[in-house]
Amino acid sequence: MRRLVFTIAVLAVASAGISASFAAVHHAKTLTFAERFAPALELMAKH
């Protein structure tokens, strides 16, 4: 019984992580180059 609960918990965490990674990939594709790297470019310009 414990093993079943543990397996369900692991699968739930794994599916949440996978869906979060897909959401991050989708969000990254919608950004332009300037939007994605603006913070890094500003830091490089200051040096």
N, C-alpha and C. Protein backbone atom coordinates (compact mmCIF):
# COMPACT_ATOMS: atom_id res chain seq x y z
N MET A 1 0.82 -1.19 0.00
CA MET A 1 0.00 0.00 0.00
C MET A 1 0.87 1.26 0.00
N ARG A 2 1.91 1.25 0.84
CA ARG A 2 2.82 2.39 0.86
C ARG A 2 3.51 2.58 -0.49
N ARG A 3 3.85 1.45 -1.08
CA ARG A 3 4.54 1.51 -2.36
C ARG A 3 3.65 2.14 -3.44
N LEU A 4 2.36 1.81 -3.41
CA LEU A 4 1.41 2.38 -4.37
C LEU A 4 1.28 3.88 -4.17
N VAL A 5 1.17 4.31 -2.93
CA VAL A 5 1.07 5.75 -2.64
C VAL A 5 2.35 6.46 -3.07
N PHE A 6 3.49 5.87 -2.78
CA PHE A 6 4.77 6.46 -3.17
C PHE A 6 4.87 6.56 -4.70
N THR A 7 4.46 5.53 -5.40
CA THR A 7 4.50 5.53 -6.87
C THR A 7 3.59 6.61 -7.44
N ILE A 8 2.40 6.75 -6.88
CA ILE A 8 1.48 7.78 -7.35
C ILE A 8 2.06 9.17 -7.09
N ALA A 9 2.69 9.37 -5.93
CA ALA A 9 3.29 10.66 -5.60
C ALA A 9 4.44 10.98 -6.55
N VAL A 10 5.27 9.99 -6.85
CA VAL A 10 6.39 10.21 -7.77
C VAL A 10 5.88 10.55 -9.17
N LEU A 11 4.86 9.85 -9.63
CA LEU A 11 4.29 10.13 -10.94
C LEU A 11 3.66 11.52 -10.99
N ALA A 12 3.02 11.94 -9.91
CA ALA A 12 2.42 13.28 -9.87
C ALA A 12 3.50 14.35 -9.95
N VAL A 13 4.57 14.19 -9.20
CA VAL A 13 5.67 15.16 -9.23
C VAL A 13 6.33 15.18 -10.60
N ALA A 14 6.53 14.01 -11.18
CA ALA A 14 7.16 13.94 -12.50
C ALA A 14 6.29 14.58 -13.56
N SER A 15 5.00 14.33 -13.52
CA SER A 15 4.12 14.93 -14.54
C SER A 15 4.05 16.45 -14.36
N ALA A 16 4.09 16.93 -13.13
CA ALA A 16 4.09 18.38 -12.90
C ALA A 16 5.38 19.00 -13.44
N GLY A 17 6.49 18.33 -13.23
CA GLY A 17 7.76 18.84 -13.74
C GLY A 17 7.80 18.84 -15.26
N ILE A 18 7.27 17.81 -15.87
CA ILE A 18 7.26 17.74 -17.34
C ILE A 18 6.37 18.82 -17.92
N SER A 19 5.19 19.01 -17.34
CA SER A 19 4.29 20.04 -17.86
C SER A 19 4.89 21.43 -17.65
N ALA A 20 5.60 21.64 -16.55
CA ALA A 20 6.25 22.93 -16.31
C ALA A 20 7.36 23.17 -17.32
N SER A 21 8.09 22.13 -17.67
CA SER A 21 9.16 22.31 -18.65
C SER A 21 8.59 22.60 -20.04
N PHE A 22 7.49 21.95 -20.39
CA PHE A 22 6.85 22.27 -21.67
C PHE A 22 6.32 23.69 -21.69
N ALA A 23 5.78 24.16 -20.57
CA ALA A 23 5.29 25.54 -20.49
C ALA A 23 6.45 26.52 -20.63
N ALA A 24 7.59 26.20 -20.03
CA ALA A 24 8.76 27.08 -20.15
C ALA A 24 9.26 27.13 -21.58
N VAL A 25 9.28 26.00 -22.25
CA VAL A 25 9.72 25.97 -23.65
C VAL A 25 8.77 26.77 -24.52
N HIS A 26 7.48 26.62 -24.30
CA HIS A 26 6.50 27.37 -25.09
C HIS A 26 6.65 28.87 -24.84
N HIS A 27 6.86 29.27 -23.59
CA HIS A 27 7.02 30.68 -23.26
C HIS A 27 8.31 31.23 -23.88
N ALA A 28 9.36 30.44 -23.87
CA ALA A 28 10.64 30.89 -24.43
C ALA A 28 10.53 31.13 -25.93
N LYS A 29 9.74 30.34 -26.62
CA LYS A 29 9.59 30.50 -28.06
C LYS A 29 8.83 31.78 -28.42
N THR A 30 7.99 32.27 -27.51
CA THR A 30 7.20 33.45 -27.83
C THR A 30 7.98 34.74 -27.64
N LEU A 31 9.13 34.68 -26.97
CA LEU A 31 9.92 35.88 -26.74
C LEU A 31 10.86 36.14 -27.91
N THR A 32 11.10 37.41 -28.19
CA THR A 32 12.07 37.76 -29.22
C THR A 32 13.48 37.67 -28.63
N PHE A 33 14.46 37.78 -29.46
CA PHE A 33 15.85 37.72 -29.00
C PHE A 33 16.12 38.84 -28.00
N ALA A 34 15.68 40.05 -28.33
CA ALA A 34 15.93 41.20 -27.45
C ALA A 34 15.24 41.02 -26.10
N GLU A 35 14.02 40.51 -26.09
CA GLU A 35 13.31 40.30 -24.84
C GLU A 35 13.98 39.22 -23.99
N ARG A 36 14.50 38.20 -24.64
CA ARG A 36 15.09 37.08 -23.92
C ARG A 36 16.44 37.46 -23.31
N PHE A 37 17.23 38.25 -24.03
CA PHE A 37 18.60 38.52 -23.59
C PHE A 37 18.83 39.96 -23.15
N ALA A 38 17.78 40.76 -23.01
CA ALA A 38 17.93 42.15 -22.61
C ALA A 38 18.67 42.31 -21.28
N PRO A 39 18.33 41.55 -20.24
CA PRO A 39 19.08 41.73 -18.98
C PRO A 39 20.57 41.43 -19.11
N ALA A 40 20.92 40.41 -19.85
CA ALA A 40 22.33 40.06 -20.04
C ALA A 40 23.04 41.12 -20.88
N LEU A 41 22.36 41.64 -21.90
CA LEU A 41 22.99 42.65 -22.74
C LEU A 41 23.24 43.94 -21.96
N GLU A 42 22.32 44.30 -21.07
CA GLU A 42 22.52 45.49 -20.25
C GLU A 42 23.72 45.33 -19.33
N LEU A 43 23.89 44.15 -18.76
CA LEU A 43 25.04 43.90 -17.87
C LEU A 43 26.33 43.95 -18.66
N MET A 44 26.32 43.41 -19.88
CA MET A 44 27.54 43.42 -20.69
C MET A 44 27.89 44.85 -21.12
N ALA A 45 26.89 45.67 -21.36
CA ALA A 45 27.14 47.05 -21.78
C ALA A 45 27.74 47.87 -20.65
N LYS A 46 27.44 47.53 -19.42
CA LYS A 46 27.97 48.30 -18.27
C LYS A 46 29.45 48.02 -18.03
N HIS A 47 29.93 46.86 -18.47
CA HIS A 47 31.34 46.49 -18.21
C HIS A 47 32.25 47.13 -19.20
